[in-house]
N, C-alpha and C. Protein backbone atom coordinates (compact mmCIF):
# COMPACT_ATOMS: atom_id res chain seq x y z
N MET A 1 109.66 138.73 81.71
CA MET A 1 109.10 138.83 82.43
C MET A 1 109.38 137.31 83.20
N ALA A 2 108.97 138.23 84.25
CA ALA A 2 109.78 137.66 85.87
C ALA A 2 109.56 135.89 86.65
N VAL A 3 107.94 136.42 85.01
CA VAL A 3 107.37 134.69 86.29
C VAL A 3 106.49 134.08 84.50
N GLY A 4 106.39 132.50 84.85
CA GLY A 4 106.10 132.27 83.35
C GLY A 4 107.13 131.57 82.31
N SER A 5 105.94 131.19 82.23
CA SER A 5 107.00 130.26 80.25
C SER A 5 107.33 131.44 78.70
N GLY A 6 106.77 132.87 79.70
CA GLY A 6 107.22 133.12 77.93
C GLY A 6 106.32 133.31 76.91
N ALA A 7 105.09 132.21 76.53
CA ALA A 7 104.22 132.52 75.78
C ALA A 7 105.79 130.62 74.66
N LYS A 8 106.55 129.89 75.78
CA LYS A 8 107.28 129.14 74.85
C LYS A 8 107.46 127.97 75.11
N PRO A 9 107.05 126.63 74.06
CA PRO A 9 106.24 125.42 74.18
C PRO A 9 106.97 124.57 75.28
N GLU A 10 108.44 124.65 75.41
CA GLU A 10 108.91 123.80 74.75
C GLU A 10 108.55 123.94 76.92
N LEU A 11 108.86 125.41 77.48
CA LEU A 11 109.22 126.35 78.73
C LEU A 11 107.92 125.23 79.87
N GLU A 12 106.41 124.93 78.72
CA GLU A 12 105.01 124.57 79.28
C GLU A 12 105.01 123.74 78.96
N ARG A 13 106.38 123.31 77.87
CA ARG A 13 105.19 121.13 78.42
C ARG A 13 106.49 120.59 79.94
N ALA A 14 107.74 121.14 80.03
CA ALA A 14 108.93 120.95 81.21
C ALA A 14 107.22 121.38 82.43
N ASN A 15 107.43 122.24 82.75
CA ASN A 15 106.20 123.03 83.37
C ASN A 15 105.39 122.67 84.09
N ARG A 16 104.63 121.77 83.09
CA ARG A 16 104.35 120.77 83.44
C ARG A 16 103.71 119.83 84.15
N VAL A 17 105.16 118.80 83.51
CA VAL A 17 105.67 117.84 83.56
C VAL A 17 105.95 117.80 85.20
N GLN A 18 106.70 119.27 84.98
CA GLN A 18 107.52 118.54 86.75
C GLN A 18 105.97 119.32 87.34
N GLY A 19 105.17 120.25 87.75
CA GLY A 19 104.49 120.38 88.48
C GLY A 19 103.05 119.43 88.83
N ASN A 20 103.28 117.83 87.23
CA ASN A 20 101.62 117.30 87.27
C ASN A 20 102.32 116.22 88.67
N PHE A 21 104.27 115.81 88.20
CA PHE A 21 104.99 115.15 89.67
C PHE A 21 104.11 115.74 90.18
N SER A 22 105.05 117.58 91.23
CA SER A 22 104.14 117.30 92.25
C SER A 22 103.33 117.44 93.12
N GLU A 23 101.59 117.27 92.00
CA GLU A 23 100.76 116.63 92.58
C GLU A 23 100.66 115.45 92.83
N TYR A 24 101.12 114.40 91.91
CA TYR A 24 100.99 113.32 92.65
C TYR A 24 101.71 112.10 93.28
N VAL A 25 103.10 112.69 93.01
CA VAL A 25 103.66 111.91 93.70
C VAL A 25 104.16 111.90 95.14
N PRO A 26 104.31 113.37 95.85
CA PRO A 26 103.59 112.68 96.71
C PRO A 26 102.66 112.62 98.01
N PHE A 27 101.19 112.65 97.09
CA PHE A 27 100.50 111.33 98.10
C PHE A 27 100.55 110.12 97.79
N ALA A 28 101.59 109.72 96.74
CA ALA A 28 101.96 108.43 96.85
C ALA A 28 103.04 107.90 97.29
N LEU A 29 103.94 108.59 97.84
CA LEU A 29 104.88 108.81 99.26
C LEU A 29 104.02 108.16 100.20
N LEU A 30 103.25 109.08 100.27
CA LEU A 30 102.48 109.30 102.19
C LEU A 30 101.74 108.06 101.91
N LEU A 31 100.87 107.49 101.08
CA LEU A 31 100.57 106.73 101.05
C LEU A 31 101.50 105.22 101.53
N PHE A 32 102.71 105.26 100.74
CA PHE A 32 103.65 103.73 100.80
C PHE A 32 104.57 104.21 101.86
N ALA A 33 104.42 104.90 102.46
CA ALA A 33 105.13 104.93 104.22
C ALA A 33 103.83 104.41 105.10
N PHE A 34 102.79 104.82 104.32
CA PHE A 34 101.46 104.06 105.31
C PHE A 34 101.68 103.35 106.01
N VAL A 35 101.60 102.46 104.42
CA VAL A 35 101.30 100.80 103.91
C VAL A 35 102.40 100.35 104.43
N GLU A 36 104.30 100.89 104.69
CA GLU A 36 104.80 99.78 104.96
C GLU A 36 104.39 100.70 106.77
N PHE A 37 104.85 101.73 107.26
CA PHE A 37 104.19 101.07 108.17
C PHE A 37 103.83 100.23 109.31
N GLY A 38 102.12 100.62 108.16
CA GLY A 38 101.21 99.21 108.64
C GLY A 38 101.03 98.32 109.14
N GLY A 39 102.40 97.39 108.48
CA GLY A 39 102.34 96.18 108.39
C GLY A 39 102.32 95.94 107.04
N GLY A 40 102.61 96.26 105.74
CA GLY A 40 102.37 95.66 104.37
C GLY A 40 103.60 95.02 103.81
N ALA A 41 103.73 94.41 103.33
CA ALA A 41 104.12 93.43 102.59
C ALA A 41 105.76 93.83 101.60
N PRO A 42 106.62 93.52 102.28
CA PRO A 42 108.35 94.72 101.57
C PRO A 42 107.59 94.56 99.98
N TRP A 43 107.68 92.92 98.79
CA TRP A 43 107.65 92.69 98.28
C TRP A 43 106.27 94.11 97.15
N ALA A 44 104.81 94.71 98.29
CA ALA A 44 104.29 94.70 97.42
C ALA A 44 104.68 96.48 98.23
N VAL A 45 105.59 97.58 99.01
CA VAL A 45 105.63 98.41 98.86
C VAL A 45 106.33 98.42 97.83
N HIS A 46 108.64 97.87 97.43
CA HIS A 46 108.58 98.28 96.70
C HIS A 46 108.29 98.22 94.90
N GLY A 47 107.12 97.23 95.09
CA GLY A 47 106.77 97.05 93.71
C GLY A 47 105.11 98.35 93.04
N LEU A 48 105.27 98.74 94.72
CA LEU A 48 103.99 99.70 94.30
C LEU A 48 105.24 101.17 93.23
N CYS A 49 106.40 101.54 94.63
CA CYS A 49 107.48 102.26 94.29
C CYS A 49 108.04 102.43 92.88
N LEU A 50 108.39 101.04 92.11
CA LEU A 50 108.43 100.09 90.68
C LEU A 50 107.47 100.77 90.04
N ILE A 51 106.70 101.21 90.10
CA ILE A 51 105.07 100.59 88.97
C ILE A 51 105.36 102.56 89.36
N LEU A 52 105.30 102.80 89.49
CA LEU A 52 104.65 104.42 90.30
C LEU A 52 106.73 104.92 89.39
N LEU A 53 107.28 104.52 89.86
CA LEU A 53 108.62 104.93 88.58
C LEU A 53 108.49 105.08 88.24
N GLY A 54 108.04 104.06 87.50
CA GLY A 54 107.97 103.49 85.71
C GLY A 54 107.16 104.28 85.46
N GLY A 55 106.04 105.46 86.10
CA GLY A 55 104.80 105.41 85.26
C GLY A 55 105.43 107.77 84.77
N ARG A 56 106.02 107.36 86.15
CA ARG A 56 105.91 109.20 85.66
C ARG A 56 107.41 108.86 85.39
N LEU A 57 107.73 108.69 84.48
CA LEU A 57 109.11 108.48 84.40
C LEU A 57 108.74 108.39 82.26
N SER A 58 107.55 107.57 82.28
CA SER A 58 107.15 107.53 81.08
C SER A 58 106.39 108.69 80.86
N HIS A 59 105.71 109.34 81.95
CA HIS A 59 105.34 110.34 82.28
C HIS A 59 105.44 111.82 81.80
N ALA A 60 107.08 112.32 82.31
CA ALA A 60 108.00 113.28 82.01
C ALA A 60 108.44 113.22 80.44
N PHE A 61 109.12 111.32 79.58
CA PHE A 61 109.14 111.80 77.93
C PHE A 61 108.34 111.67 77.45
N GLY A 62 106.97 110.95 77.66
CA GLY A 62 106.05 111.52 76.38
C GLY A 62 105.02 113.38 76.71
N VAL A 63 104.94 113.53 78.17
CA VAL A 63 104.55 114.74 78.21
C VAL A 63 106.03 116.60 77.25
N SER A 64 106.87 116.33 77.90
CA SER A 64 107.96 117.22 77.78
C SER A 64 108.35 116.77 76.15
N ARG A 65 107.85 116.11 75.67
CA ARG A 65 107.67 115.76 73.67
C ARG A 65 106.96 116.14 73.09
N MET A 66 107.26 118.07 71.97
CA MET A 66 106.18 118.46 71.26
C MET A 66 104.99 117.22 70.83
N GLN A 67 105.33 115.79 70.56
CA GLN A 67 104.39 115.65 69.19
C GLN A 67 104.28 114.15 70.01
N GLU A 68 103.46 114.89 70.58
CA GLU A 68 102.83 113.15 72.72
C GLU A 68 101.47 113.10 71.41
N SER A 69 101.83 111.57 71.66
CA SER A 69 100.60 110.14 70.90
C SER A 69 99.68 110.48 72.37
N TYR A 70 98.72 111.14 72.22
CA TYR A 70 98.09 111.05 73.92
C TYR A 70 97.05 109.33 74.72
N LYS A 71 96.76 108.88 73.62
CA LYS A 71 96.55 107.43 73.35
C LYS A 71 98.04 106.95 75.25
N PHE A 72 98.93 106.88 74.64
CA PHE A 72 100.14 106.88 75.55
C PHE A 72 99.62 107.89 76.70
N ARG A 73 99.80 108.98 77.00
CA ARG A 73 99.36 109.79 77.79
C ARG A 73 98.61 109.16 78.55
N VAL A 74 98.02 108.59 77.85
CA VAL A 74 96.43 108.34 78.67
C VAL A 74 96.26 106.80 79.95
N ALA A 75 97.14 106.10 79.10
CA ALA A 75 98.07 105.43 79.98
C ALA A 75 98.51 105.13 80.95
N ARG A 76 99.71 106.97 80.81
CA ARG A 76 100.87 106.78 82.17
C ARG A 76 99.96 107.57 82.54
N VAL A 77 98.81 107.71 83.02
CA VAL A 77 97.95 108.70 83.20
C VAL A 77 98.02 107.15 84.38
N ALA A 78 97.09 106.50 83.49
CA ALA A 78 96.05 105.45 84.30
C ALA A 78 97.46 104.63 84.51
N ILE A 79 98.60 103.70 85.37
CA ILE A 79 99.52 103.86 86.20
C ILE A 79 99.76 104.75 87.44
N THR A 80 99.63 106.21 87.74
CA THR A 80 100.10 106.78 88.27
C THR A 80 98.22 106.30 89.07
N ILE A 81 97.00 106.83 88.90
CA ILE A 81 95.71 106.24 89.08
C ILE A 81 95.48 105.08 90.93
N SER A 82 96.69 104.43 88.96
CA SER A 82 96.32 102.34 89.76
C SER A 82 97.13 102.44 91.41
N VAL A 83 98.28 102.28 90.45
CA VAL A 83 98.99 102.48 92.16
C VAL A 83 98.81 102.66 92.88
N LEU A 84 97.86 104.47 93.01
CA LEU A 84 97.22 105.16 94.15
C LEU A 84 96.00 103.84 94.55
N ALA A 85 95.45 103.80 94.26
CA ALA A 85 94.18 103.19 94.26
C ALA A 85 94.11 102.11 94.62
N PHE A 86 95.07 101.13 94.21
CA PHE A 86 95.82 100.25 94.85
C PHE A 86 96.26 100.06 96.11
N ALA A 87 97.66 101.02 96.45
CA ALA A 87 97.28 102.22 97.92
C ALA A 87 96.87 101.90 98.92
N SER A 88 95.41 102.59 98.28
CA SER A 88 94.38 102.96 99.07
C SER A 88 93.91 101.65 99.41
N ALA A 89 92.95 101.17 98.96
CA ALA A 89 93.03 99.11 98.64
C ALA A 89 94.35 98.55 99.58
N LEU A 90 94.89 98.32 99.48
CA LEU A 90 95.68 98.12 101.12
C LEU A 90 95.46 98.30 102.35
N LEU A 91 95.50 99.35 102.35
CA LEU A 91 95.14 100.45 103.19
C LEU A 91 93.67 100.16 104.05
N LEU A 92 92.73 100.58 103.32
CA LEU A 92 92.09 99.59 103.37
C LEU A 92 91.06 98.61 104.32
N MET A 93 91.90 97.04 103.23
CA MET A 93 91.86 96.65 104.23
C MET A 93 92.67 96.20 105.57
N ARG A 94 93.19 96.79 105.46
CA ARG A 94 94.52 96.43 106.94
C ARG A 94 93.95 97.58 107.59
N SER A 95 93.07 98.21 107.65
CA SER A 95 92.46 99.55 108.49
C SER A 95 90.92 98.43 108.82
N ILE A 96 90.08 97.95 107.77
CA ILE A 96 89.08 96.90 108.30
C ILE A 96 88.79 95.51 108.79
N GLY A 97 89.77 95.20 107.77
CA GLY A 97 90.71 94.01 108.24
C GLY A 97 89.85 93.20 109.78
N PRO A 98 90.78 94.08 110.82
CA PRO A 98 90.30 93.60 112.05
C PRO A 98 88.50 93.59 113.13
N LEU A 99 88.18 94.20 112.38
CA LEU A 99 86.88 94.34 112.46
C LEU A 99 86.34 93.36 112.24
N LEU A 100 86.33 92.59 110.75
CA LEU A 100 85.65 91.72 110.14
C LEU A 100 85.80 89.88 110.93
């Protein structure tokens, strides 16, 4: 088979770990760049990056395991979504701040 996982569960999980990373991280990095170039505090950018890194590493570890705990998976996804939401909120506050 030239394409796909060949119905191997371990390979399918590894494929989803990589796919999930490539679905969320580029958007997060773009948001972080906008926050930094928009004058965001360095500690906020570094904090967001560290939280995202921790969430993504724990997600990769958890999803790649065959005996995965779904309650922890939900928590790891919530970390990623929270980082995206916080970075978006920082950008929105900066953009509407001069208008207020």
